Amino acid sequence: MTFAEFQAFAAIRPSHAWRKGQTAFNALWEKRPDLADKIRATAADPFYDDSKLPTFWTEVQKHWSAP
């Protein structure tokens, strides 16, 4: 899965009443738990704060190809 495919997956994923940050982080956890662990509880973690989504996407893209 490419980074662009992941972004599309996260965008169409059912939200289950989650905020956008929660949805994006949970999608990352589903597809790349190793990367989710790196981002959890950092300034790029959007789970509790949707305003961190731009930083989240930057960090995910930066580390996407490095397993």
PDB file of N, CA and C in Angstrom:
ATOM      1  N   MET A   1       0.849  -1.177   0.000  1.00  0.00           N
ATOM      2  CA  MET A   1       0.000   0.000   0.000  1.00  0.00           C
ATOM      3  C   MET A   1       0.893   1.237   0.000  1.00  0.00           C
ATOM      4  N   THR A   2       0.590   2.146  -0.904  1.00  0.00           N
ATOM      5  CA  THR A   2       1.348   3.389  -0.959  1.00  0.00           C
ATOM      6  C   THR A   2       0.783   4.381   0.056  1.00  0.00           C
ATOM      7  N   PHE A   3       1.515   5.458   0.279  1.00  0.00           N
ATOM      8  CA  PHE A   3       1.032   6.503   1.181  1.00  0.00           C
ATOM      9  C   PHE A   3      -0.278   7.091   0.656  1.00  0.00           C
ATOM     10  N   ALA A   4      -0.360   7.339  -0.653  1.00  0.00           N
ATOM     11  CA  ALA A   4      -1.589   7.890  -1.237  1.00  0.00           C
ATOM     12  C   ALA A   4      -2.767   6.929  -1.062  1.00  0.00           C
ATOM     13  N   GLU A   5      -2.517   5.644  -1.218  1.00  0.00           N
ATOM     14  CA  GLU A   5      -3.576   4.649  -0.997  1.00  0.00           C
ATOM     15  C   GLU A   5      -4.011   4.648   0.462  1.00  0.00           C
ATOM     16  N   PHE A   6      -3.044   4.806   1.360  1.00  0.00           N
ATOM     17  CA  PHE A   6      -3.395   4.873   2.779  1.00  0.00           C
ATOM     18  C   PHE A   6      -4.252   6.099   3.073  1.00  0.00           C
ATOM     19  N   GLN A   7      -3.895   7.251   2.511  1.00  0.00           N
ATOM     20  CA  GLN A   7      -4.695   8.463   2.723  1.00  0.00           C
ATOM     21  C   GLN A   7      -6.128   8.252   2.235  1.00  0.00           C
ATOM     22  N   ALA A   8      -6.283   7.619   1.087  1.00  0.00           N
ATOM     23  CA  ALA A   8      -7.616   7.335   0.556  1.00  0.00           C
ATOM     24  C   ALA A   8      -8.366   6.376   1.478  1.00  0.00           C
ATOM     25  N   PHE A   9      -7.676   5.358   1.973  1.00  0.00           N
ATOM     26  CA  PHE A   9      -8.281   4.404   2.909  1.00  0.00           C
ATOM     27  C   PHE A   9      -8.767   5.129   4.157  1.00  0.00           C
ATOM     28  N   ALA A  10      -7.944   6.000   4.714  1.00  0.00           N
ATOM     29  CA  ALA A  10      -8.311   6.730   5.928  1.00  0.00           C
ATOM     30  C   ALA A  10      -9.484   7.672   5.667  1.00  0.00           C
ATOM     31  N   ALA A  11      -9.553   8.240   4.475  1.00  0.00           N
ATOM     32  CA  ALA A  11     -10.612   9.195   4.148  1.00  0.00           C
ATOM     33  C   ALA A  11     -11.978   8.526   3.997  1.00  0.00           C
ATOM     34  N   ILE A  12     -11.991   7.288   3.523  1.00  0.00           N
ATOM     35  CA  ILE A  12     -13.285   6.623   3.305  1.00  0.00           C
ATOM     36  C   ILE A  12     -13.650   5.653   4.425  1.00  0.00           C
ATOM     37  N   ARG A  13     -12.783   5.525   5.397  1.00  0.00           N
ATOM     38  CA  ARG A  13     -13.028   4.606   6.504  1.00  0.00           C
ATOM     39  C   ARG A  13     -14.231   5.085   7.311  1.00  0.00           C
ATOM     40  N   PRO A  14     -15.143   4.192   7.664  1.00  0.00           N
ATOM     41  CA  PRO A  14     -16.280   4.617   8.491  1.00  0.00           C
ATOM     42  C   PRO A  14     -15.794   5.229   9.799  1.00  0.00           C
ATOM     43  N   SER A  15     -16.384   6.333  10.174  1.00  0.00           N
ATOM     44  CA  SER A  15     -15.883   7.051  11.337  1.00  0.00           C
ATOM     45  C   SER A  15     -16.395   6.506  12.660  1.00  0.00           C
ATOM     46  N   HIS A  16     -17.505   5.792  12.665  1.00  0.00           N
ATOM     47  CA  HIS A  16     -18.071   5.278  13.917  1.00  0.00           C
ATOM     48  C   HIS A  16     -18.190   6.403  14.944  1.00  0.00           C
ATOM     49  N   ALA A  17     -18.530   7.591  14.473  1.00  0.00           N
ATOM     50  CA  ALA A  17     -18.694   8.780  15.308  1.00  0.00           C
ATOM     51  C   ALA A  17     -17.365   9.272  15.882  1.00  0.00           C
ATOM     52  N   TRP A  18     -16.263   8.877  15.280  1.00  0.00           N
ATOM     53  CA  TRP A  18     -14.957   9.379  15.708  1.00  0.00           C
ATOM     54  C   TRP A  18     -14.676  10.713  15.037  1.00  0.00           C
ATOM     55  N   ARG A  19     -13.874  11.530  15.695  1.00  0.00           N
ATOM     56  CA  ARG A  19     -13.367  12.742  15.061  1.00  0.00           C
ATOM     57  C   ARG A  19     -12.380  12.346  13.968  1.00  0.00           C
ATOM     58  N   LYS A  20     -12.027  13.318  13.115  1.00  0.00           N
ATOM     59  CA  LYS A  20     -11.112  13.039  12.013  1.00  0.00           C
ATOM     60  C   LYS A  20      -9.755  12.556  12.514  1.00  0.00           C
ATOM     61  N   GLY A  21      -9.253  13.135  13.587  1.00  0.00           N
ATOM     62  CA  GLY A  21      -7.964  12.716  14.137  1.00  0.00           C
ATOM     63  C   GLY A  21      -7.989  11.289  14.651  1.00  0.00           C
ATOM     64  N   GLN A  22      -9.069  10.927  15.312  1.00  0.00           N
ATOM     65  CA  GLN A  22      -9.214   9.554  15.789  1.00  0.00           C
ATOM     66  C   GLN A  22      -9.287   8.580  14.616  1.00  0.00           C
ATOM     67  N   THR A  23     -10.057   8.948  13.611  1.00  0.00           N
ATOM     68  CA  THR A  23     -10.210   8.095  12.439  1.00  0.00           C
ATOM     69  C   THR A  23      -8.872   7.883  11.735  1.00  0.00           C
ATOM     70  N   ALA A  24      -8.128   8.972  11.527  1.00  0.00           N
ATOM     71  CA  ALA A  24      -6.831   8.871  10.855  1.00  0.00           C
ATOM     72  C   ALA A  24      -5.859   8.019  11.658  1.00  0.00           C
ATOM     73  N   PHE A  25      -5.808   8.243  12.966  1.00  0.00           N
ATOM     74  CA  PHE A  25      -4.876   7.472  13.785  1.00  0.00           C
ATOM     75  C   PHE A  25      -5.274   5.996  13.821  1.00  0.00           C
ATOM     76  N   ASN A  26      -6.559   5.715  13.959  1.00  0.00           N
ATOM     77  CA  ASN A  26      -7.002   4.319  13.993  1.00  0.00           C
ATOM     78  C   ASN A  26      -6.753   3.613  12.657  1.00  0.00           C
ATOM     79  N   ALA A  27      -6.883   4.341  11.564  1.00  0.00           N
ATOM     80  CA  ALA A  27      -6.560   3.761  10.249  1.00  0.00           C
ATOM     81  C   ALA A  27      -5.073   3.425  10.185  1.00  0.00           C
ATOM     82  N   LEU A  28      -4.246   4.325  10.715  1.00  0.00           N
ATOM     83  CA  LEU A  28      -2.806   4.057  10.742  1.00  0.00           C
ATOM     84  C   LEU A  28      -2.511   2.837  11.606  1.00  0.00           C
ATOM     85  N   TRP A  29      -3.153   2.736  12.750  1.00  0.00           N
ATOM     86  CA  TRP A  29      -2.953   1.594  13.640  1.00  0.00           C
ATOM     87  C   TRP A  29      -3.328   0.287  12.931  1.00  0.00           C
ATOM     88  N   GLU A  30      -4.382   0.348  12.126  1.00  0.00           N
ATOM     89  CA  GLU A  30      -4.827  -0.852  11.408  1.00  0.00           C
ATOM     90  C   GLU A  30      -3.833  -1.280  10.329  1.00  0.00           C
ATOM     91  N   LYS A  31      -3.288  -0.312   9.584  1.00  0.00           N
ATOM     92  CA  LYS A  31      -2.411  -0.627   8.462  1.00  0.00           C
ATOM     93  C   LYS A  31      -0.927  -0.641   8.811  1.00  0.00           C
ATOM     94  N   ARG A  32      -0.498   0.218   9.733  1.00  0.00           N
ATOM     95  CA  ARG A  32       0.922   0.309  10.086  1.00  0.00           C
ATOM     96  C   ARG A  32       1.071   0.527  11.598  1.00  0.00           C
ATOM     97  N   PRO A  33       0.807  -0.500  12.392  1.00  0.00           N
ATOM     98  CA  PRO A  33       0.911  -0.326  13.843  1.00  0.00           C
ATOM     99  C   PRO A  33       2.307   0.097  14.295  1.00  0.00           C
ATOM    100  N   ASP A  34       3.331  -0.292  13.536  1.00  0.00           N
ATOM    101  CA  ASP A  34       4.694   0.123  13.882  1.00  0.00           C
ATOM    102  C   ASP A  34       4.834   1.637  13.817  1.00  0.00           C
ATOM    103  N   LEU A  35       4.246   2.249  12.807  1.00  0.00           N
ATOM    104  CA  LEU A  35       4.311   3.695  12.648  1.00  0.00           C
ATOM    105  C   LEU A  35       3.386   4.399  13.641  1.00  0.00           C
ATOM    106  N   ALA A  36       2.253   3.811  13.906  1.00  0.00           N
ATOM    107  CA  ALA A  36       1.342   4.382  14.908  1.00  0.00           C
ATOM    108  C   ALA A  36       2.030   4.446  16.268  1.00  0.00           C
ATOM    109  N   ASP A  37       2.788   3.417  16.603  1.00  0.00           N
ATOM    110  CA  ASP A  37       3.527   3.422  17.873  1.00  0.00           C
ATOM    111  C   ASP A  37       4.540   4.551  17.934  1.00  0.00           C
ATOM    112  N   LYS A  38       5.156   4.882  16.798  1.00  0.00           N
ATOM    113  CA  LYS A  38       6.135   5.976  16.767  1.00  0.00           C
ATOM    114  C   LYS A  38       5.477   7.335  16.953  1.00  0.00           C
ATOM    115  N   ILE A  39       4.235   7.462  16.499  1.00  0.00           N
ATOM    116  CA  ILE A  39       3.537   8.746  16.527  1.00  0.00           C
ATOM    117  C   ILE A  39       2.722   8.952  17.806  1.00  0.00           C
ATOM    118  N   ARG A  40       2.294   7.866  18.416  1.00  0.00           N
ATOM    119  CA  ARG A  40       1.454   7.954  19.609  1.00  0.00           C
ATOM    120  C   ARG A  40       2.109   8.832  20.675  1.00  0.00           C
ATOM    121  N   ALA A  41       1.318   9.755  21.231  1.00  0.00           N
ATOM    122  CA  ALA A  41       1.726  10.634  22.329  1.00  0.00           C
ATOM    123  C   ALA A  41       2.835  11.614  21.949  1.00  0.00           C
ATOM    124  N   THR A  42       2.957  11.927  20.659  1.00  0.00           N
ATOM    125  CA  THR A  42       3.908  12.944  20.217  1.00  0.00           C
ATOM    126  C   THR A  42       3.110  14.165  19.752  1.00  0.00           C
ATOM    127  N   ALA A  43       3.821  15.187  19.332  1.00  0.00           N
ATOM    128  CA  ALA A  43       3.172  16.393  18.814  1.00  0.00           C
ATOM    129  C   ALA A  43       2.413  16.123  17.515  1.00  0.00           C
ATOM    130  N   ALA A  44       2.632  14.972  16.904  1.00  0.00           N
ATOM    131  CA  ALA A  44       1.956  14.618  15.654  1.00  0.00           C
ATOM    132  C   ALA A  44       0.742  13.712  15.873  1.00  0.00           C
ATOM    133  N   ASP A  45       0.430  13.367  17.098  1.00  0.00           N
ATOM    134  CA  ASP A  45      -0.674  12.456  17.395  1.00  0.00           C
ATOM    135  C   ASP A  45      -1.999  13.225  17.387  1.00  0.00           C
ATOM    136  N   PRO A  46      -2.864  12.959  16.388  1.00  0.00           N
ATOM    137  CA  PRO A  46      -4.114  13.712  16.272  1.00  0.00           C
ATOM    138  C   PRO A  46      -5.296  13.075  17.000  1.00  0.00           C
ATOM    139  N   PHE A  47      -5.059  11.998  17.751  1.00  0.00           N
ATOM    140  CA  PHE A  47      -6.166  11.248  18.321  1.00  0.00           C
ATOM    141  C   PHE A  47      -7.072  12.123  19.179  1.00  0.00           C
ATOM    142  N   TYR A  48      -6.502  12.986  19.997  1.00  0.00           N
ATOM    143  CA  TYR A  48      -7.291  13.847  20.881  1.00  0.00           C
ATOM    144  C   TYR A  48      -7.391  15.286  20.382  1.00  0.00           C
ATOM    145  N   ASP A  49      -6.723  15.605  19.277  1.00  0.00           N
ATOM    146  CA  ASP A  49      -6.671  16.988  18.818  1.00  0.00           C
ATOM    147  C   ASP A  49      -6.576  17.029  17.291  1.00  0.00           C
ATOM    148  N   ASP A  50      -7.702  17.294  16.647  1.00  0.00           N
ATOM    149  CA  ASP A  50      -7.746  17.319  15.180  1.00  0.00           C
ATOM    150  C   ASP A  50      -6.818  18.361  14.574  1.00  0.00           C
ATOM    151  N   SER A  51      -6.450  19.384  15.327  1.00  0.00           N
ATOM    152  CA  SER A  51      -5.560  20.414  14.774  1.00  0.00           C
ATOM    153  C   SER A  51      -4.165  19.861  14.484  1.00  0.00           C
ATOM    154  N   LYS A  52      -3.863  18.688  14.986  1.00  0.00           N
ATOM    155  CA  LYS A  52      -2.561  18.055  14.742  1.00  0.00           C
ATOM    156  C   LYS A  52      -2.539  17.228  13.453  1.00  0.00           C
ATOM    157  N   LEU A  53      -3.640  17.178  12.739  1.00  0.00           N
ATOM    158  CA  LEU A  53      -3.695  16.372  11.513  1.00  0.00           C
ATOM    159  C   LEU A  53      -2.656  16.770  10.472  1.00  0.00           C
ATOM    160  N   PRO A  54      -2.416  18.055  10.194  1.00  0.00           N
ATOM    161  CA  PRO A  54      -1.371  18.372   9.204  1.00  0.00           C
ATOM    162  C   PRO A  54      -0.001  17.814   9.596  1.00  0.00           C
ATOM    163  N   THR A  55       0.351  17.914  10.870  1.00  0.00           N
ATOM    164  CA  THR A  55       1.626  17.370  11.345  1.00  0.00           C
ATOM    165  C   THR A  55       1.621  15.849  11.262  1.00  0.00           C
ATOM    166  N   PHE A  56       0.498  15.244  11.594  1.00  0.00           N
ATOM    167  CA  PHE A  56       0.344  13.793  11.496  1.00  0.00           C
ATOM    168  C   PHE A  56       0.622  13.318  10.079  1.00  0.00           C
ATOM    169  N   TRP A  57      -0.035  13.946   9.071  1.00  0.00           N
ATOM    170  CA  TRP A  57       0.145  13.516   7.687  1.00  0.00           C
ATOM    171  C   TRP A  57       1.583  13.709   7.227  1.00  0.00           C
ATOM    172  N   THR A  58       2.221  14.780   7.666  1.00  0.00           N
ATOM    173  CA  THR A  58       3.622  15.015   7.306  1.00  0.00           C
ATOM    174  C   THR A  58       4.507  13.913   7.868  1.00  0.00           C
ATOM    175  N   GLU A  59       4.305  13.576   9.135  1.00  0.00           N
ATOM    176  CA  GLU A  59       5.123  12.537   9.771  1.00  0.00           C
ATOM    177  C   GLU A  59       4.859  11.162   9.164  1.00  0.00           C
ATOM    178  N   VAL A  60       3.613  10.847   8.908  1.00  0.00           N
ATOM    179  CA  VAL A  60       3.285   9.547   8.314  1.00  0.00           C
ATOM    180  C   VAL A  60       3.943   9.432   6.944  1.00  0.00           C
ATOM    181  N   GLN A  61       3.825  10.470   6.135  1.00  0.00           N
ATOM    182  CA  GLN A  61       4.438  10.417   4.805  1.00  0.00           C
ATOM    183  C   GLN A  61       5.955  10.288   4.899  1.00  0.00           C
ATOM    184  N   LYS A  62       6.557  11.003   5.818  1.00  0.00           N
ATOM    185  CA  LYS A  62       8.006  10.965   5.983  1.00  0.00           C
ATOM    186  C   LYS A  62       8.505   9.564   6.324  1.00  0.00           C
ATOM    187  N   HIS A  63       7.735   8.834   7.105  1.00  0.00           N
ATOM    188  CA  HIS A  63       8.185   7.516   7.594  1.00  0.00           C
ATOM    189  C   HIS A  63       7.467   6.349   6.908  1.00  0.00           C
ATOM    190  N   TRP A  64       6.598   6.617   5.944  1.00  0.00           N
ATOM    191  CA  TRP A  64       5.763   5.561   5.371  1.00  0.00           C
ATOM    192  C   TRP A  64       6.577   4.410   4.788  1.00  0.00           C
ATOM    193  N   SER A  65       7.604   4.671   4.038  1.00  0.00           N
ATOM    194  CA  SER A  65       8.320   3.593   3.360  1.00  0.00           C
ATOM    195  C   SER A  65       9.339   2.885   4.250  1.00  0.00           C
ATOM    196  N   ALA A  66       9.571   3.416   5.433  1.00  0.00           N
ATOM    197  CA  ALA A  66      10.529   2.782   6.349  1.00  0.00           C
ATOM    198  C   ALA A  66       9.784   1.928   7.362  1.00  0.00           C
ATOM    199  N   PRO A  67       9.795   0.612   7.184  1.00  0.00           N
ATOM    200  CA  PRO A  67       9.039  -0.277   8.099  1.00  0.00           C
ATOM    201  C   PRO A  67       9.574  -0.325   9.484  1.00  0.00           C
TER     202      PRO A  67
END
